[in-house]
Protein backbone atom coordinates (compact mmCIF):
# COMPACT_ATOMS: atom_id res chain seq x y z
CA MET A 1 0.05 0.12 0.02
CA THR A 2 1.32 3.41 -1.38
CA ILE A 3 1.30 6.11 1.46
CA LYS A 4 -0.59 8.48 -0.33
CA HIS A 5 -3.53 5.27 -0.36
CA TYR A 6 -2.78 4.88 2.66
CA ALA A 7 -3.73 8.34 3.89
CA LEU A 8 -6.75 8.52 1.88
CA THR A 9 -8.03 5.47 3.55
CA THR A 10 -7.40 7.10 6.68
CA LEU A 11 -9.48 9.81 5.74
CA ALA A 12 -12.61 8.22 4.79
CA SER A 13 -12.63 6.37 7.56
CA ALA A 14 -12.30 8.97 10.19
CA SER A 15 -15.01 10.45 7.44
CA LEU A 16 -17.14 7.32 8.45
CA THR A 17 -16.85 7.41 12.22
CA LEU A 18 -17.58 11.42 12.35
CA ALA A 19 -20.52 11.00 10.25
CA ALA A 20 -21.72 8.22 12.56
CA ASP A 21 -20.95 10.41 15.46
CA GLN A 22 -23.42 13.48 14.34
CA PRO A 23 -27.28 13.47 14.57
CA GLN A 24 -29.28 12.58 11.39
CA ALA A 25 -30.93 14.83 10.02
CA THR A 26 -34.93 13.74 10.50
CA PRO A 27 -37.57 14.13 8.01
CA HIS A 28 -40.34 14.71 11.17
CA SER A 29 -40.84 17.44 13.35
CA PHE A 30 -42.82 18.30 16.65
CA THR A 31 -44.17 21.40 17.68
CA ALA A 32 -46.86 23.06 19.66
CA ASN A 33 -48.23 26.61 20.56
CA LEU A 34 -50.07 28.07 23.59
CA GLY A 35 -52.11 31.21 23.90
CA LEU A 36 -54.19 33.29 26.59
CA PHE A 37 -56.30 35.16 24.45
CA SER A 38 -58.75 38.25 26.29
CA GLU A 39 -61.84 36.38 23.96
CA TYR A 40 -61.86 33.59 21.30
CA ARG A 41 -63.37 34.79 18.37
CA PHE A 42 -64.16 32.37 15.47
CA ARG A 43 -64.42 33.89 12.23
CA GLY A 44 -65.30 36.94 13.58
CA ILE A 45 -67.81 35.96 16.16
CA ASP A 46 -67.79 35.37 19.82
CA GLN A 47 -66.91 32.19 21.26
CA THR A 48 -66.57 33.00 24.91
CA PHE A 49 -69.29 35.46 25.73
CA GLY A 50 -66.60 38.10 25.61
CA ARG A 51 -64.48 35.94 28.14
CA PRO A 52 -60.93 34.94 27.99
CA ALA A 53 -59.66 32.07 25.68
CA LEU A 54 -57.14 29.43 26.80
CA GLN A 55 -55.93 27.57 23.99
CA GLY A 56 -53.42 25.52 22.84
CA GLY A 57 -52.51 22.37 20.55
CA PHE A 58 -49.40 19.92 18.98
CA ASP A 59 -48.43 19.88 15.30
CA TYR A 60 -46.62 17.15 13.15
CA SER A 61 -45.18 17.79 9.61
CA HIS A 62 -43.07 15.36 7.81
CA ALA A 63 -40.42 16.71 5.21
CA SER A 64 -42.49 15.49 1.98
CA GLY A 65 -45.21 18.28 2.92
CA LEU A 66 -47.57 16.00 5.25
CA TYR A 67 -49.08 17.42 8.33
CA ALA A 68 -51.50 16.94 11.12
CA GLY A 69 -52.00 18.86 13.95
CA ASN A 70 -54.94 19.50 17.19
CA TRP A 71 -56.15 22.63 18.43
CA ASN A 72 -58.08 23.29 21.51
CA SER A 73 -59.85 25.73 23.35
CA ASN A 74 -62.38 26.86 26.01
CA ILE A 75 -65.82 27.74 25.05
CA SER A 76 -69.39 29.17 25.93
CA SER A 77 -72.05 26.55 25.73
CA GLY A 78 -74.42 29.78 24.68
CA ALA A 79 -72.62 30.27 20.93
CA GLY A 80 -74.24 27.13 20.02
CA TYR A 81 -72.39 24.28 22.00
CA PRO A 82 -75.21 23.01 24.61
CA GLY A 83 -73.23 21.34 27.42
CA GLY A 84 -69.87 21.96 25.86
CA ARG A 85 -66.95 23.64 27.46
CA LEU A 86 -64.30 22.45 25.29
CA GLU A 87 -63.69 23.08 21.71
CA MET A 88 -61.35 20.40 19.74
CA ASP A 89 -60.14 20.66 16.00
CA PHE A 90 -58.26 17.96 14.39
CA TYR A 91 -56.64 18.68 10.66
CA GLY A 92 -54.50 17.14 8.40
CA GLY A 93 -52.69 17.89 4.76
CA TYR A 94 -50.24 18.03 2.65
CA LYS A 95 -48.38 21.50 2.10
CA THR A 96 -46.01 22.26 -0.87
CA ARG A 97 -43.95 25.28 -2.33
CA LEU A 98 -43.68 26.23 -6.12
CA GLY A 99 -41.07 29.27 -5.50
CA ASP A 100 -43.07 32.04 -4.49
CA VAL A 101 -46.13 30.63 -3.97
CA ALA A 102 -47.07 27.87 -0.89
CA LEU A 103 -50.00 25.69 -1.72
CA ASP A 104 -51.90 23.96 1.48
CA LEU A 105 -54.89 21.30 1.16
CA GLY A 106 -55.92 19.55 4.01
CA ALA A 107 -59.56 18.93 6.21
CA ILE A 108 -60.77 19.47 9.55
CA TYR A 109 -62.31 18.63 11.76
CA TYR A 110 -64.79 20.62 14.76
CA TYR A 111 -64.98 18.52 18.06
CA TYR A 112 -67.34 19.84 21.07
CA PRO A 113 -67.55 17.42 23.40
CA GLY A 114 -70.10 17.04 26.02
CA THR A 115 -71.96 19.00 23.66
CA HIS A 116 -75.67 17.26 23.38
CA LEU A 117 -78.78 17.88 20.95
CA ASP A 118 -82.21 16.40 21.67
CA ASP A 119 -84.22 17.70 18.81
CA ALA A 120 -82.48 20.92 18.22
CA PHE A 121 -82.31 23.98 15.91
CA GLN A 122 -85.90 22.71 14.52
CA GLY A 123 -87.75 25.94 13.02
CA VAL A 124 -84.52 27.54 12.64
CA ASN A 125 -83.62 27.19 9.27
CA ALA A 126 -87.06 28.56 8.14
CA ARG A 127 -86.00 26.42 4.48
CA HIS A 128 -86.15 23.31 6.43
CA PRO A 129 -88.75 23.77 9.19
CA ASP A 130 -89.24 20.18 10.09
CA ARG A 131 -85.41 19.32 10.27
CA LYS A 132 -83.99 18.14 13.51
CA ALA A 133 -80.12 18.05 14.98
CA ASN A 134 -79.49 15.47 17.99
CA GLY A 135 -75.98 13.66 19.49
CA VAL A 136 -72.86 16.26 19.57
CA VAL A 137 -71.93 19.35 18.29
CA ASP A 138 -70.26 19.02 15.60
CA ASN A 139 -68.45 20.14 11.51
CA GLY A 140 -66.41 18.69 9.04
CA GLU A 141 -64.53 21.45 6.25
CA LEU A 142 -62.36 20.69 3.43
CA TYR A 143 -59.76 23.70 2.44
CA LEU A 144 -57.46 25.23 -0.08
CA ALA A 145 -55.38 27.71 0.26
CA GLY A 146 -52.45 29.61 -1.57
CA SER A 147 -50.00 31.70 -0.73
CA TRP A 148 -47.98 34.20 -2.50
CA ARG A 149 -45.46 36.30 -0.60
CA PHE A 150 -47.60 38.42 2.37
CA LEU A 151 -50.37 37.05 1.00
CA THR A 152 -53.17 33.93 2.00
CA LEU A 153 -56.06 33.32 0.07
CA LYS A 154 -58.22 30.55 1.56
CA TYR A 155 -61.34 28.52 1.40
CA HIS A 156 -62.91 26.37 3.94
CA HIS A 157 -65.99 24.21 2.46
CA ALA A 158 -68.81 22.42 4.51
CA PHE A 159 -69.34 18.63 3.72
CA THR A 160 -71.64 18.16 7.05
CA ASP A 161 -74.67 20.37 8.46
CA TYR A 162 -72.69 24.34 8.79
CA PHE A 163 -72.02 23.24 12.84
CA GLN A 164 -75.03 21.44 13.02
CA LEU A 165 -77.94 23.68 11.38
CA PRO A 166 -80.17 22.02 9.47
CA GLY A 167 -79.79 22.07 5.85
CA THR A 168 -76.47 23.65 5.08
CA ARG A 169 -73.50 21.27 3.63
CA GLY A 170 -72.05 22.69 1.68
CA THR A 171 -71.46 25.96 3.20
CA GLY A 172 -68.31 27.74 2.63
CA TYR A 173 -65.76 30.79 3.57
CA LEU A 174 -62.87 32.78 1.55
CA ASP A 175 -60.28 34.24 3.88
CA LEU A 176 -58.29 37.06 3.06
CA ALA A 177 -55.38 37.41 4.90
CA ALA A 178 -51.62 39.61 4.53
CA SER A 179 -48.86 40.58 7.23
CA HIS A 180 -46.30 42.75 7.09
CA ALA A 181 -42.49 42.71 9.16
CA LEU A 182 -42.42 46.61 10.53
CA GLY A 183 -38.57 45.65 11.56
CA ASN A 184 -38.02 44.99 15.67
CA GLY A 185 -40.01 42.51 15.83
CA LEU A 186 -42.73 44.20 15.36
CA THR A 187 -45.83 42.66 12.28
CA LEU A 188 -48.74 44.40 11.21
CA THR A 189 -51.74 41.91 10.06
CA ALA A 190 -55.21 42.69 8.29
CA HIS A 191 -57.96 40.03 7.48
CA VAL A 192 -60.89 39.91 5.94
CA GLY A 193 -63.25 36.80 5.10
CA HIS A 194 -67.21 36.24 4.02
CA LEU A 195 -69.71 33.01 4.94
CA PHE A 196 -71.62 31.69 2.35
CA MET A 197 -74.36 30.39 4.47
CA ARG A 198 -76.10 27.61 2.13
CA ASP A 199 -79.45 26.65 1.91
CA PHE A 200 -80.54 29.17 5.01
CA SER A 201 -82.94 31.01 6.36
CA TYR A 202 -83.78 32.70 9.51
CA ARG A 203 -87.09 34.73 10.76
CA ASN A 204 -86.37 37.94 12.95
CA ALA A 205 -88.78 39.31 15.32
CA ASP A 206 -89.63 41.89 13.17
CA GLY A 207 -90.69 39.21 10.48
CA SER A 208 -87.44 40.12 8.32
CA ARG A 209 -85.12 37.35 6.89
CA TYR A 210 -82.12 36.56 7.28
CA ASP A 211 -79.38 34.04 5.44
CA GLY A 212 -76.78 34.06 8.00
CA ARG A 213 -74.16 35.17 5.23
CA TYR A 214 -71.64 37.78 6.62
CA THR A 215 -68.22 39.85 6.41
CA ASP A 216 -65.59 39.72 8.78
CA TRP A 217 -62.60 41.57 9.32
CA ARG A 218 -59.25 42.29 11.79
CA LEU A 219 -56.73 44.34 12.08
CA GLY A 220 -54.15 44.17 14.02
CA LEU A 221 -50.53 44.02 15.37
CA SER A 222 -47.99 42.25 17.12
CA LYS A 223 -44.86 42.26 18.70
CA GLU A 224 -41.85 39.73 19.74
CA LEU A 225 -40.86 39.34 23.05
CA ALA A 226 -38.01 36.93 24.20
CA GLY A 227 -39.47 34.14 22.34
CA TRP A 228 -43.61 35.45 23.30
CA VAL A 229 -45.77 37.46 20.93
CA VAL A 230 -48.04 39.94 22.13
CA ALA A 231 -50.67 40.80 20.28
CA ALA A 232 -53.55 43.31 19.71
CA SER A 233 -55.92 42.95 17.12
CA TYR A 234 -59.12 44.91 16.25
CA VAL A 235 -62.19 42.82 15.33
CA ALA A 236 -64.91 43.34 13.86
CA THR A 237 -68.12 42.22 11.48
CA ASP A 238 -71.43 42.79 9.60
CA ALA A 239 -73.19 39.66 10.90
CA GLN A 240 -76.87 40.21 12.73
CA GLY A 241 -76.70 40.25 16.10
CA SER A 242 -79.37 42.95 17.30
CA CYS A 243 -80.16 41.40 20.87
CA GLY A 244 -83.76 43.92 20.62
CA ASN A 245 -84.74 42.03 17.40
CA GLY A 246 -84.10 38.42 18.34
CA GLU A 247 -81.54 38.53 14.94
CA PHE A 248 -79.34 35.33 14.56
CA TYR A 249 -75.91 35.78 16.26
CA CYS A 250 -77.21 37.45 19.00
CA PHE A 251 -76.18 34.44 21.97
CA SER A 252 -76.77 33.37 25.51
CA SER A 253 -74.18 33.27 28.23
CA SER A 254 -75.60 29.92 28.31
CA THR A 255 -77.79 26.97 27.00
CA ASP A 256 -77.56 24.98 30.28
CA SER A 257 -80.54 24.27 32.69
CA ALA A 258 -78.42 26.43 35.74
CA GLY A 259 -77.15 28.99 33.53
CA ARG A 260 -80.49 29.70 32.72
CA ALA A 261 -81.53 29.70 36.58
CA ASN A 262 -78.57 31.57 37.30
CA GLY A 263 -80.17 34.54 35.04
CA SER A 264 -78.33 34.31 31.44
CA HIS A 265 -78.98 36.96 29.23
CA ASP A 266 -77.61 38.10 25.93
CA ARG A 267 -75.17 39.86 23.80
CA ASP A 268 -74.59 40.39 19.86
CA ALA A 269 -71.06 37.91 18.89
CA GLY A 270 -71.19 39.93 16.06
CA ARG A 271 -69.99 43.26 17.92
CA SER A 272 -67.11 44.94 16.93
CA THR A 273 -64.25 44.73 19.92
CA LEU A 274 -60.60 44.70 20.25
CA VAL A 275 -58.98 41.06 21.30
CA PHE A 276 -55.42 41.08 23.27
CA SER A 277 -53.29 37.89 23.33
CA VAL A 278 -49.50 36.25 24.08
CA ALA A 279 -48.50 33.37 22.78
CA ARG A 280 -45.75 31.62 21.97
CA ASN A 281 -44.69 28.22 19.86
CA PHE A 282 -42.57 25.63 20.82
């Protein structure tokens, strides 16, 4: 063996030993998130009757673009979840990127443990006056999103009755969001969304009709501080929620018998408000 051959063999052996000692890159990724919010707004609609919400979840992603996750939040039973106190979301899908364009295709299932619908919502939808809902409150949607630089457009399509409202399968929600980094950890965010309620008609107390459709919007500012993100957002909608007129998005503080016995009260669930939050990813 020549000296040169011996040296190359020794270097190759050393490289293999060094590589074996290094941690191997994995295609799997696991993250978690936790946040405290002054109230929980889902598509602009109040889910906690103006009270704080503790939210968090877990996410798994694969280098191939596949992902799955779970997210949770406390909710108010009066937001359409009789007997419920918790929302649990389960989702999964596939993401890919083509230059500046990112695509996301997936499905999400909203589940509210402890809820019970006993012949509920009969007559709420005037287009299906005889239909009722039973069992737990849930909702299933498919979604498709496309992102370009600072813009994201996302569409959700319900393949079940929309949160158990009779006859509303096929309801859609279109969401346009934007974010812009201002520097020094500051980020400006904006959002506008529209709910396309399908095959729905609700009679207000004055006899007028409402099809359940509405637009919501949000403008926010966030700041990163030592790994935490502190944010404030202005949220508003044009959803019909006047309680004086018995409109559809007027929610009660509780739908439980105990809550009613203690004097539950009502409020417009789509009213404008400021939402404050502090959150972190792990």
